[in-house]
Structures are given as structure tokens and as C-alpha cells.
Amino acid sequence: MLLYVPLSRFKDMKRFVRTMSITGKSMGTIKNYSRHVASIALHFGRIPLDLSVEEVHAYLYALQQRSKTPSQSYFKHTVFGLRFLLKSEGLAYEHFLLPSIKAEKRLPAVLSREEVWRMLCVAIPLKYRILTAMLYGCGLRCSEVCNVRLRDLDFDRKILHVEFDPLFAQCAPKKAPKQATSFAAWVT
């Protein structure tokens, strides 16, 4: 089926892509947003800016009902693509009454003692074993472990002094892991 798209509307899509590029969107984002906006245009046979609120909502509902386990990312890219199209045309987000997308909050994976122990046992060089032990034994972030210096270690009291990133408002000495003696042996 051949669709007739007015030349002026083709310029709108060019402006949409150009605005995404100027605002620093990655090439993947530009492709995804363009693909989803084009999908809506092909579905209705006209540019999404010409659609009514009901048509947009019917399309979004159809996306969710398409399968038993709808792809949340496909739906999100469609909504975000439409939002950016509205933004590039100077229209408010409320123009289509687009739904808000809530971010899923996942808890981080917490390893059991046995899993941590197995991870320490498979770390072949002593250096990696010690770094991993510091990560888990002291509860440090990777960037904090990378910035540990010899002067930060107090071998007598088995305390590691950590200079925290100013974004994180914690500043307390961490108790060194059991491998502190291994670290002392490795350093000297």
C-alpha cells in the first residue's frame, strides 16, 4: 500500500531527526525514536502530529495488548519518541496526554557468604583476591577500591581509611577484611 505523505510533513520528520541529533541523542536513540514514530505514521497512514488523543491512546493500548508479555521497552520507546516529536514541534507533552513511565526499582543482587567465598577462591592472582575482598569485606564501591593508597591502610588497628566521593556523604573508616595480613604481605 502506497501512502501519500505531504512534502511539508517530510520536513517535520527531518526536523525531528535533526533536533535529536543536535540535543546529543545517540545514534541508537535516534533510530529507535524514528522507527517508533514511523511505525505510528504507517499504522494510521498519516504523521502522528495529525492524530487525535483517542487515536494515540488506541495505538498505545494495542501495543500493550499485542502479546501476552508485551515488551515494556517497545512501549517506552514509542512514548518517548512521541514526547520528543512533540518537544521538537514546540508542543506540550499534554497534547497527546501521554502516560508517565515509571522506572522499575530493582534491588541489587546480594551474594551469600558461600558465593563470596567461591568468588575469592577463584581469583587467581593475589592482587585480585585482595581487591575483591576489600570490595565485599569493607562494603566499598569499585571507584573507592581503585583509589586506595598504602597510606590509607592502618595494619595495626586493621582499619582502612577511605576518602569518599563528595557526592556520597559518608566518611567513616572501614574495618579491613580478614585478608589485611595478605595485603600487607603482598605490598611489602
N, C-alpha and C. Protein backbone atom coordinates (compact mmCIF):
# COMPACT_ATOMS: atom_id res chain seq x y z
N MET A 1 0.84 -1.18 0.00
CA MET A 1 0.00 0.00 0.00
C MET A 1 0.89 1.24 0.00
N LEU A 2 0.67 2.11 -0.94
CA LEU A 2 1.45 3.34 -1.06
C LEU A 2 0.72 4.46 -0.31
N LEU A 3 1.43 5.09 0.59
CA LEU A 3 0.85 6.18 1.37
C LEU A 3 1.29 7.51 0.81
N TYR A 4 0.37 8.44 0.82
CA TYR A 4 0.70 9.79 0.40
C TYR A 4 1.05 10.60 1.63
N VAL A 5 2.27 11.09 1.69
CA VAL A 5 2.70 11.95 2.79
C VAL A 5 3.09 13.28 2.18
N PRO A 6 2.45 14.38 2.60
CA PRO A 6 2.79 15.69 2.04
C PRO A 6 4.25 16.03 2.31
N LEU A 7 4.86 16.74 1.36
CA LEU A 7 6.27 17.11 1.47
C LEU A 7 6.54 17.94 2.72
N SER A 8 5.58 18.77 3.13
CA SER A 8 5.78 19.58 4.34
C SER A 8 5.92 18.69 5.57
N ARG A 9 5.22 17.57 5.61
CA ARG A 9 5.31 16.65 6.74
C ARG A 9 6.64 15.91 6.73
N PHE A 10 7.19 15.67 5.56
CA PHE A 10 8.50 15.04 5.47
C PHE A 10 9.55 15.95 6.09
N LYS A 11 9.39 17.26 5.91
CA LYS A 11 10.29 18.23 6.53
C LYS A 11 10.17 18.19 8.05
N ASP A 12 8.94 17.94 8.57
CA ASP A 12 8.75 17.82 10.01
C ASP A 12 9.58 16.65 10.56
N MET A 13 9.59 15.53 9.84
CA MET A 13 10.36 14.37 10.30
C MET A 13 11.86 14.66 10.23
N LYS A 14 12.28 15.38 9.21
CA LYS A 14 13.70 15.76 9.11
C LYS A 14 14.08 16.65 10.30
N ARG A 15 13.19 17.57 10.65
CA ARG A 15 13.44 18.45 11.79
C ARG A 15 13.49 17.63 13.08
N PHE A 16 12.64 16.62 13.19
CA PHE A 16 12.60 15.73 14.34
C PHE A 16 13.96 15.03 14.52
N VAL A 17 14.48 14.48 13.44
CA VAL A 17 15.78 13.79 13.48
C VAL A 17 16.90 14.79 13.75
N ARG A 18 16.84 15.95 13.12
CA ARG A 18 17.87 16.96 13.32
C ARG A 18 17.89 17.45 14.77
N THR A 19 16.72 17.66 15.38
CA THR A 19 16.64 18.10 16.77
C THR A 19 17.23 17.05 17.69
N MET A 20 16.95 15.78 17.43
CA MET A 20 17.53 14.72 18.26
C MET A 20 19.05 14.72 18.17
N SER A 21 19.55 14.92 16.96
CA SER A 21 21.00 14.92 16.77
C SER A 21 21.64 16.11 17.47
N ILE A 22 21.02 17.28 17.35
CA ILE A 22 21.56 18.49 17.98
C ILE A 22 21.56 18.38 19.50
N THR A 23 20.54 17.74 20.07
CA THR A 23 20.46 17.63 21.52
C THR A 23 21.34 16.51 22.08
N GLY A 24 22.10 15.87 21.21
CA GLY A 24 23.08 14.90 21.68
C GLY A 24 22.56 13.49 21.87
N LYS A 25 21.45 13.16 21.27
CA LYS A 25 20.94 11.78 21.37
C LYS A 25 21.88 10.86 20.60
N SER A 26 22.03 9.65 21.11
CA SER A 26 22.90 8.68 20.44
C SER A 26 22.24 8.21 19.15
N MET A 27 23.05 7.61 18.30
CA MET A 27 22.52 7.12 17.03
C MET A 27 21.47 6.03 17.27
N GLY A 28 21.66 5.22 18.30
CA GLY A 28 20.67 4.20 18.64
C GLY A 28 19.35 4.80 19.05
N THR A 29 19.40 5.86 19.85
CA THR A 29 18.17 6.54 20.28
C THR A 29 17.47 7.17 19.09
N ILE A 30 18.23 7.81 18.20
CA ILE A 30 17.64 8.43 17.01
C ILE A 30 16.94 7.37 16.17
N LYS A 31 17.59 6.24 15.96
CA LYS A 31 16.98 5.16 15.17
C LYS A 31 15.72 4.62 15.84
N ASN A 32 15.80 4.38 17.17
CA ASN A 32 14.64 3.83 17.88
C ASN A 32 13.46 4.79 17.86
N TYR A 33 13.69 6.05 18.22
CA TYR A 33 12.59 7.02 18.23
C TYR A 33 12.00 7.18 16.84
N SER A 34 12.86 7.29 15.83
CA SER A 34 12.38 7.45 14.45
C SER A 34 11.58 6.24 14.01
N ARG A 35 12.07 5.05 14.35
CA ARG A 35 11.38 3.81 13.97
C ARG A 35 9.99 3.74 14.60
N HIS A 36 9.87 4.11 15.85
CA HIS A 36 8.58 4.01 16.53
C HIS A 36 7.61 5.09 16.07
N VAL A 37 8.12 6.29 15.82
CA VAL A 37 7.25 7.35 15.28
C VAL A 37 6.82 6.98 13.86
N ALA A 38 7.72 6.41 13.07
CA ALA A 38 7.36 5.98 11.71
C ALA A 38 6.34 4.84 11.75
N SER A 39 6.46 3.97 12.74
CA SER A 39 5.51 2.87 12.88
C SER A 39 4.10 3.38 13.13
N ILE A 40 3.98 4.42 13.94
CA ILE A 40 2.67 5.02 14.19
C ILE A 40 2.14 5.66 12.91
N ALA A 41 3.03 6.35 12.20
CA ALA A 41 2.62 7.00 10.95
C ALA A 41 2.14 5.97 9.93
N LEU A 42 2.84 4.85 9.83
CA LEU A 42 2.42 3.80 8.89
C LEU A 42 1.11 3.15 9.33
N HIS A 43 0.94 2.99 10.61
CA HIS A 43 -0.28 2.37 11.12
C HIS A 43 -1.51 3.20 10.77
N PHE A 44 -1.40 4.51 10.91
CA PHE A 44 -2.55 5.38 10.66
C PHE A 44 -2.55 5.99 9.26
N GLY A 45 -1.44 5.92 8.57
CA GLY A 45 -1.38 6.50 7.23
C GLY A 45 -1.19 8.00 7.22
N ARG A 46 -0.81 8.54 8.35
CA ARG A 46 -0.53 9.98 8.42
C ARG A 46 0.44 10.24 9.58
N ILE A 47 1.00 11.43 9.57
CA ILE A 47 2.01 11.80 10.55
C ILE A 47 1.38 11.85 11.96
N PRO A 48 2.08 11.44 13.00
CA PRO A 48 1.49 11.41 14.35
C PRO A 48 0.98 12.75 14.85
N LEU A 49 1.52 13.86 14.39
CA LEU A 49 1.05 15.17 14.84
C LEU A 49 -0.40 15.43 14.41
N ASP A 50 -0.85 14.74 13.37
CA ASP A 50 -2.22 14.91 12.89
C ASP A 50 -3.21 13.99 13.60
N LEU A 51 -2.75 13.16 14.51
CA LEU A 51 -3.62 12.21 15.19
C LEU A 51 -4.33 12.86 16.36
N SER A 52 -5.47 12.28 16.70
CA SER A 52 -6.19 12.75 17.89
C SER A 52 -5.66 12.01 19.11
N VAL A 53 -6.01 12.50 20.27
CA VAL A 53 -5.62 11.86 21.53
C VAL A 53 -6.15 10.44 21.57
N GLU A 54 -7.39 10.24 21.14
CA GLU A 54 -8.01 8.90 21.15
C GLU A 54 -7.25 7.93 20.26
N GLU A 55 -6.83 8.39 19.09
CA GLU A 55 -6.08 7.51 18.18
C GLU A 55 -4.74 7.10 18.78
N VAL A 56 -4.06 8.04 19.41
CA VAL A 56 -2.77 7.73 20.04
C VAL A 56 -2.98 6.74 21.18
N HIS A 57 -3.99 6.97 22.00
CA HIS A 57 -4.25 6.07 23.12
C HIS A 57 -4.67 4.68 22.63
N ALA A 58 -5.44 4.62 21.55
CA ALA A 58 -5.84 3.33 20.99
C ALA A 58 -4.61 2.58 20.48
N TYR A 59 -3.69 3.30 19.87
CA TYR A 59 -2.46 2.67 19.37
C TYR A 59 -1.62 2.14 20.53
N LEU A 60 -1.46 2.95 21.58
CA LEU A 60 -0.68 2.52 22.74
C LEU A 60 -1.32 1.32 23.42
N TYR A 61 -2.63 1.31 23.49
CA TYR A 61 -3.34 0.18 24.08
C TYR A 61 -3.13 -1.07 23.22
N ALA A 62 -3.20 -0.90 21.91
CA ALA A 62 -2.97 -2.03 21.00
C ALA A 62 -1.56 -2.58 21.17
N LEU A 63 -0.58 -1.71 21.41
CA LEU A 63 0.79 -2.17 21.66
C LEU A 63 0.85 -3.06 22.89
N GLN A 64 0.18 -2.63 23.94
CA GLN A 64 0.20 -3.41 25.17
C GLN A 64 -0.55 -4.73 25.02
N GLN A 65 -1.58 -4.76 24.20
CA GLN A 65 -2.38 -5.97 24.04
C GLN A 65 -1.87 -6.90 22.96
N ARG A 66 -0.82 -6.48 22.26
CA ARG A 66 -0.31 -7.25 21.12
C ARG A 66 0.11 -8.67 21.51
N SER A 67 0.66 -8.83 22.68
CA SER A 67 1.08 -10.16 23.11
C SER A 67 0.80 -10.33 24.60
N LYS A 68 0.94 -11.58 25.07
CA LYS A 68 0.68 -11.85 26.48
C LYS A 68 1.74 -11.20 27.37
N THR A 69 2.94 -11.11 26.87
CA THR A 69 4.03 -10.46 27.61
C THR A 69 4.55 -9.31 26.78
N PRO A 70 3.88 -8.15 26.83
CA PRO A 70 4.30 -7.03 25.99
C PRO A 70 5.69 -6.52 26.38
N SER A 71 6.43 -6.14 25.37
CA SER A 71 7.76 -5.60 25.60
C SER A 71 7.63 -4.20 26.17
N GLN A 72 8.05 -4.04 27.39
CA GLN A 72 7.96 -2.73 28.04
C GLN A 72 8.87 -1.73 27.33
N SER A 73 10.02 -2.17 26.83
CA SER A 73 10.93 -1.24 26.17
C SER A 73 10.34 -0.74 24.85
N TYR A 74 9.62 -1.58 24.11
CA TYR A 74 8.99 -1.14 22.86
C TYR A 74 7.96 -0.05 23.16
N PHE A 75 7.16 -0.29 24.19
CA PHE A 75 6.15 0.69 24.60
C PHE A 75 6.82 1.99 25.04
N LYS A 76 7.87 1.88 25.85
CA LYS A 76 8.58 3.07 26.33
C LYS A 76 9.17 3.87 25.17
N HIS A 77 9.80 3.18 24.21
CA HIS A 77 10.39 3.90 23.08
C HIS A 77 9.32 4.60 22.26
N THR A 78 8.15 4.00 22.16
CA THR A 78 7.06 4.65 21.43
C THR A 78 6.64 5.93 22.14
N VAL A 79 6.44 5.84 23.46
CA VAL A 79 6.02 7.02 24.23
C VAL A 79 7.11 8.09 24.20
N PHE A 80 8.37 7.68 24.42
CA PHE A 80 9.47 8.65 24.43
C PHE A 80 9.67 9.28 23.05
N GLY A 81 9.49 8.49 21.99
CA GLY A 81 9.58 9.03 20.64
C GLY A 81 8.51 10.08 20.37
N LEU A 82 7.29 9.77 20.83
CA LEU A 82 6.20 10.75 20.67
C LEU A 82 6.46 12.01 21.48
N ARG A 83 6.98 11.83 22.70
CA ARG A 83 7.30 13.01 23.52
C ARG A 83 8.34 13.88 22.84
N PHE A 84 9.36 13.25 22.28
CA PHE A 84 10.40 14.04 21.64
C PHE A 84 9.87 14.71 20.38
N LEU A 85 8.97 14.04 19.67
CA LEU A 85 8.34 14.66 18.49
C LEU A 85 7.57 15.90 18.90
N LEU A 86 6.82 15.79 19.99
CA LEU A 86 6.07 16.96 20.49
C LEU A 86 7.03 18.08 20.90
N LYS A 87 8.11 17.69 21.58
CA LYS A 87 9.09 18.69 22.01
C LYS A 87 9.73 19.39 20.81
N SER A 88 10.05 18.62 19.76
CA SER A 88 10.70 19.22 18.59
C SER A 88 9.76 20.16 17.84
N GLU A 89 8.46 19.95 18.00
CA GLU A 89 7.47 20.82 17.35
C GLU A 89 7.00 21.95 18.27
N GLY A 90 7.54 22.00 19.49
CA GLY A 90 7.18 23.05 20.42
C GLY A 90 5.82 22.86 21.07
N LEU A 91 5.32 21.63 21.06
CA LEU A 91 4.03 21.33 21.68
C LEU A 91 4.24 20.77 23.08
N ALA A 92 3.26 20.92 23.93
CA ALA A 92 3.35 20.40 25.30
C ALA A 92 3.13 18.89 25.30
N TYR A 93 3.69 18.22 26.31
CA TYR A 93 3.51 16.77 26.44
C TYR A 93 2.04 16.41 26.59
N GLU A 94 1.27 17.34 27.12
CA GLU A 94 -0.14 17.09 27.36
C GLU A 94 -0.96 17.05 26.07
N HIS A 95 -0.32 17.39 24.96
CA HIS A 95 -1.01 17.40 23.67
C HIS A 95 -1.66 16.05 23.39
N PHE A 96 -0.94 14.96 23.69
CA PHE A 96 -1.48 13.62 23.48
C PHE A 96 -1.85 12.93 24.80
N LEU A 97 -1.67 13.62 25.92
CA LEU A 97 -1.94 13.02 27.23
C LEU A 97 -1.20 11.69 27.37
N LEU A 98 0.09 11.72 27.08
CA LEU A 98 0.90 10.50 27.11
C LEU A 98 1.07 10.00 28.54
N PRO A 99 1.10 8.69 28.71
CA PRO A 99 1.24 8.14 30.06
C PRO A 99 2.65 8.37 30.60
N SER A 100 2.73 8.46 31.92
CA SER A 100 4.05 8.57 32.53
C SER A 100 4.62 7.16 32.65
N ILE A 101 5.90 7.06 32.46
CA ILE A 101 6.58 5.77 32.53
C ILE A 101 7.32 5.72 33.86
N LYS A 102 6.95 4.78 34.70
CA LYS A 102 7.59 4.65 35.99
C LYS A 102 8.78 3.71 35.86
N ALA A 103 9.90 4.14 36.43
CA ALA A 103 11.09 3.31 36.39
C ALA A 103 10.97 2.19 37.42
N GLU A 104 11.35 1.00 36.99
CA GLU A 104 11.34 -0.13 37.91
C GLU A 104 12.51 0.00 38.87
N LYS A 105 12.22 -0.20 40.13
CA LYS A 105 13.28 -0.15 41.13
C LYS A 105 13.61 -1.59 41.52
N ARG A 106 14.78 -2.02 41.12
CA ARG A 106 15.21 -3.37 41.43
C ARG A 106 16.22 -3.33 42.56
N LEU A 107 16.12 -4.29 43.43
CA LEU A 107 17.10 -4.41 44.49
C LEU A 107 18.37 -5.03 43.91
N PRO A 108 19.52 -4.58 44.39
CA PRO A 108 20.76 -5.17 43.87
C PRO A 108 20.89 -6.62 44.34
N ALA A 109 21.58 -7.40 43.56
CA ALA A 109 21.81 -8.79 43.92
C ALA A 109 22.80 -8.84 45.08
N VAL A 110 22.43 -9.56 46.12
CA VAL A 110 23.29 -9.71 47.28
C VAL A 110 23.79 -11.14 47.30
N LEU A 111 25.10 -11.28 47.33
CA LEU A 111 25.69 -12.60 47.33
C LEU A 111 25.74 -13.18 48.73
N SER A 112 25.57 -14.48 48.82
CA SER A 112 25.68 -15.15 50.12
C SER A 112 27.16 -15.28 50.48
N ARG A 113 27.44 -15.65 51.72
CA ARG A 113 28.83 -15.81 52.15
C ARG A 113 29.54 -16.87 51.32
N GLU A 114 28.80 -17.96 51.01
CA GLU A 114 29.40 -19.04 50.23
C GLU A 114 29.76 -18.56 48.82
N GLU A 115 28.88 -17.75 48.22
CA GLU A 115 29.15 -17.22 46.88
C GLU A 115 30.35 -16.29 46.88
N VAL A 116 30.46 -15.44 47.92
CA VAL A 116 31.61 -14.54 48.02
C VAL A 116 32.88 -15.35 48.22
N TRP A 117 32.81 -16.38 49.07
CA TRP A 117 33.98 -17.21 49.33
C TRP A 117 34.44 -17.91 48.04
N ARG A 118 33.48 -18.45 47.27
CA ARG A 118 33.83 -19.10 46.00
C ARG A 118 34.46 -18.10 45.03
N MET A 119 33.94 -16.88 45.03
CA MET A 119 34.50 -15.85 44.16
C MET A 119 35.92 -15.51 44.57
N LEU A 120 36.17 -15.46 45.87
CA LEU A 120 37.53 -15.18 46.35
C LEU A 120 38.48 -16.32 46.01
N CYS A 121 37.98 -17.54 46.08
CA CYS A 121 38.83 -18.70 45.80
C CYS A 121 39.24 -18.80 44.34
N VAL A 122 38.39 -18.34 43.43
CA VAL A 122 38.71 -18.45 42.00
C VAL A 122 39.56 -17.28 41.50
N ALA A 123 39.70 -16.24 42.31
CA ALA A 123 40.55 -15.10 41.93
C ALA A 123 41.99 -15.58 42.02
N ILE A 124 42.63 -15.80 40.88
CA ILE A 124 43.95 -16.43 40.85
C ILE A 124 45.04 -15.51 41.39
N PRO A 125 45.31 -14.37 40.77
CA PRO A 125 46.38 -13.55 41.35
C PRO A 125 45.95 -13.01 42.72
N LEU A 126 46.89 -12.96 43.62
CA LEU A 126 46.62 -12.47 44.97
C LEU A 126 46.06 -11.06 44.94
N LYS A 127 46.52 -10.25 43.99
CA LYS A 127 46.05 -8.86 43.88
C LYS A 127 44.53 -8.80 43.68
N TYR A 128 44.01 -9.63 42.79
CA TYR A 128 42.57 -9.63 42.53
C TYR A 128 41.79 -10.18 43.71
N ARG A 129 42.34 -11.15 44.39
CA ARG A 129 41.69 -11.70 45.56
C ARG A 129 41.57 -10.64 46.65
N ILE A 130 42.63 -9.86 46.83
CA ILE A 130 42.63 -8.81 47.85
C ILE A 130 41.65 -7.69 47.48
N LEU A 131 41.66 -7.29 46.22
CA LEU A 131 40.73 -6.24 45.78
C LEU A 131 39.28 -6.67 45.95
N THR A 132 38.98 -7.92 45.59
CA THR A 132 37.62 -8.43 45.74
C THR A 132 37.24 -8.51 47.21
N ALA A 133 38.19 -8.93 48.05
CA ALA A 133 37.93 -9.00 49.49
C ALA A 133 37.66 -7.60 50.05
N MET A 134 38.36 -6.59 49.54
CA MET A 134 38.12 -5.22 50.00
C MET A 134 36.75 -4.73 49.57
N LEU A 135 36.34 -5.10 48.35
CA LEU A 135 35.01 -4.70 47.88
C LEU A 135 33.93 -5.24 48.80
N TYR A 136 33.98 -6.53 49.07
CA TYR A 136 32.92 -7.16 49.85
C TYR A 136 33.15 -7.04 51.35
N GLY A 137 34.40 -7.15 51.79
CA GLY A 137 34.67 -7.11 53.22
C GLY A 137 34.46 -5.74 53.82
N CYS A 138 34.76 -4.71 53.06
CA CYS A 138 34.62 -3.33 53.56
C CYS A 138 33.37 -2.65 53.03
N GLY A 139 32.69 -3.26 52.08
CA GLY A 139 31.50 -2.64 51.51
C GLY A 139 31.82 -1.42 50.68
N LEU A 140 32.92 -1.48 49.92
CA LEU A 140 33.36 -0.33 49.13
C LEU A 140 32.79 -0.38 47.72
N ARG A 141 32.80 0.76 47.09
CA ARG A 141 32.48 0.85 45.67
C ARG A 141 33.76 0.60 44.88
N CYS A 142 33.60 0.24 43.61
CA CYS A 142 34.78 -0.04 42.77
C CYS A 142 35.71 1.17 42.70
N SER A 143 35.15 2.36 42.55
CA SER A 143 35.98 3.56 42.45
C SER A 143 36.76 3.81 43.73
N GLU A 144 36.17 3.45 44.87
CA GLU A 144 36.86 3.64 46.15
C GLU A 144 38.02 2.66 46.28
N VAL A 145 37.82 1.43 45.85
CA VAL A 145 38.90 0.44 45.92
C VAL A 145 40.03 0.85 44.99
N CYS A 146 39.69 1.37 43.83
CA CYS A 146 40.73 1.79 42.87
C CYS A 146 41.57 2.94 43.42
N ASN A 147 41.01 3.74 44.31
CA ASN A 147 41.72 4.91 44.84
C ASN A 147 42.41 4.65 46.18
N VAL A 148 42.39 3.41 46.67
CA VAL A 148 43.05 3.10 47.94
C VAL A 148 44.56 3.18 47.75
N ARG A 149 45.20 3.87 48.68
CA ARG A 149 46.67 4.00 48.68
C ARG A 149 47.21 3.33 49.93
N LEU A 150 48.48 3.06 49.94
CA LEU A 150 49.11 2.40 51.07
C LEU A 150 48.94 3.20 52.35
N ARG A 151 48.99 4.51 52.27
CA ARG A 151 48.85 5.36 53.45
C ARG A 151 47.44 5.27 54.06
N ASP A 152 46.46 4.76 53.28
CA ASP A 152 45.09 4.62 53.78
C ASP A 152 44.92 3.41 54.69
N LEU A 153 45.88 2.50 54.68
CA LEU A 153 45.78 1.27 55.47
C LEU A 153 46.49 1.42 56.80
N ASP A 154 45.79 1.05 57.86
CA ASP A 154 46.38 1.02 59.20
C ASP A 154 46.42 -0.45 59.61
N PHE A 155 47.59 -1.10 59.41
CA PHE A 155 47.71 -2.52 59.63
C PHE A 155 47.61 -2.89 61.11
N ASP A 156 48.03 -1.99 62.00
CA ASP A 156 47.99 -2.28 63.43
C ASP A 156 46.55 -2.39 63.93
N ARG A 157 45.71 -1.43 63.55
CA ARG A 157 44.32 -1.43 64.01
C ARG A 157 43.39 -2.13 63.02
N LYS A 158 43.94 -2.56 61.89
CA LYS A 158 43.17 -3.21 60.82
C LYS A 158 42.02 -2.31 60.37
N ILE A 159 42.36 -1.07 60.04
CA ILE A 159 41.38 -0.09 59.57
C ILE A 159 41.84 0.45 58.22
N LEU A 160 40.88 0.63 57.34
CA LEU A 160 41.12 1.21 56.03
C LEU A 160 40.43 2.56 56.01
N HIS A 161 41.18 3.62 55.81
CA HIS A 161 40.60 4.97 55.71
C HIS A 161 40.27 5.23 54.25
N VAL A 162 39.02 5.56 54.00
CA VAL A 162 38.54 5.75 52.63
C VAL A 162 38.17 7.20 52.44
N GLU A 163 38.73 7.81 51.39
CA GLU A 163 38.33 9.17 51.02
C GLU A 163 37.15 9.02 50.08
N PHE A 164 36.00 9.46 50.57
CA PHE A 164 34.78 9.26 49.81
C PHE A 164 34.59 10.35 48.77
N ASP A 165 33.85 9.99 47.77
CA ASP A 165 33.43 10.93 46.74
C ASP A 165 32.52 11.96 47.41
N PRO A 166 32.69 13.25 47.10
CA PRO A 166 31.85 14.27 47.75
C PRO A 166 30.35 14.06 47.51
N LEU A 167 29.99 13.33 46.46
CA LEU A 167 28.57 13.09 46.22
C LEU A 167 27.97 12.18 47.28
N PHE A 168 28.82 11.34 47.87
CA PHE A 168 28.34 10.43 48.91
C PHE A 168 28.76 10.99 50.25
N ALA A 169 27.80 11.27 51.10
CA ALA A 169 28.06 11.99 52.34
C ALA A 169 28.51 11.10 53.49
N GLN A 170 29.10 9.95 53.19
CA GLN A 170 29.61 9.10 54.25
C GLN A 170 31.09 9.36 54.40
N CYS A 171 31.58 9.30 55.60
CA CYS A 171 33.02 9.44 55.80
C CYS A 171 33.40 8.77 57.11
N ALA A 172 33.48 7.47 57.09
CA ALA A 172 33.85 6.73 58.29
C ALA A 172 34.88 5.68 57.91
N PRO A 173 35.81 5.41 58.80
CA PRO A 173 36.78 4.37 58.49
C PRO A 173 36.09 3.02 58.37
N LYS A 174 36.56 2.22 57.45
CA LYS A 174 36.01 0.88 57.24
C LYS A 174 36.93 -0.13 57.91
N LYS A 175 36.33 -1.14 58.49
CA LYS A 175 37.12 -2.20 59.09
C LYS A 175 37.69 -3.06 57.98
N ALA A 176 38.97 -3.29 58.04
CA ALA A 176 39.64 -4.06 56.99
C ALA A 176 39.20 -5.51 57.05
N PRO A 177 39.17 -6.18 55.90
CA PRO A 177 38.77 -7.58 55.89
C PRO A 177 39.85 -8.47 56.50
N LYS A 178 39.52 -9.73 56.64
CA LYS A 178 40.45 -10.70 57.21
C LYS A 178 41.72 -10.81 56.37
N GLN A 179 41.65 -10.44 55.12
CA GLN A 179 42.79 -10.55 54.23
C GLN A 179 43.77 -9.40 54.39
N ALA A 180 43.63 -8.59 55.44
CA ALA A 180 44.53 -7.45 55.63
C ALA A 180 45.96 -7.92 55.77
N THR A 181 46.16 -9.04 56.41
CA THR A 181 47.54 -9.56 56.55
C THR A 181 48.07 -10.00 55.19
N SER A 182 47.20 -10.56 54.34
CA SER A 182 47.62 -10.93 52.98
C SER A 182 48.02 -9.69 52.20
N PHE A 183 47.25 -8.63 52.39
CA PHE A 183 47.54 -7.38 51.70
C PHE A 183 48.89 -6.83 52.15
N ALA A 184 49.12 -6.88 53.46
CA ALA A 184 50.40 -6.39 54.00
C ALA A 184 51.55 -7.21 53.42
N ALA A 185 51.36 -8.51 53.32
CA ALA A 185 52.40 -9.37 52.76
C ALA A 185 52.62 -9.07 51.28
N TRP A 186 51.54 -8.81 50.56
CA TRP A 186 51.63 -8.56 49.12
C TRP A 186 52.32 -7.22 48.84
N VAL A 187 52.01 -6.21 49.68
CA VAL A 187 52.56 -4.88 49.48
C VAL A 187 54.04 -4.84 49.79
N THR A 188 54.45 -5.52 50.82
CA THR A 188 55.87 -5.45 51.22
C THR A 188 56.76 -6.40 50.48
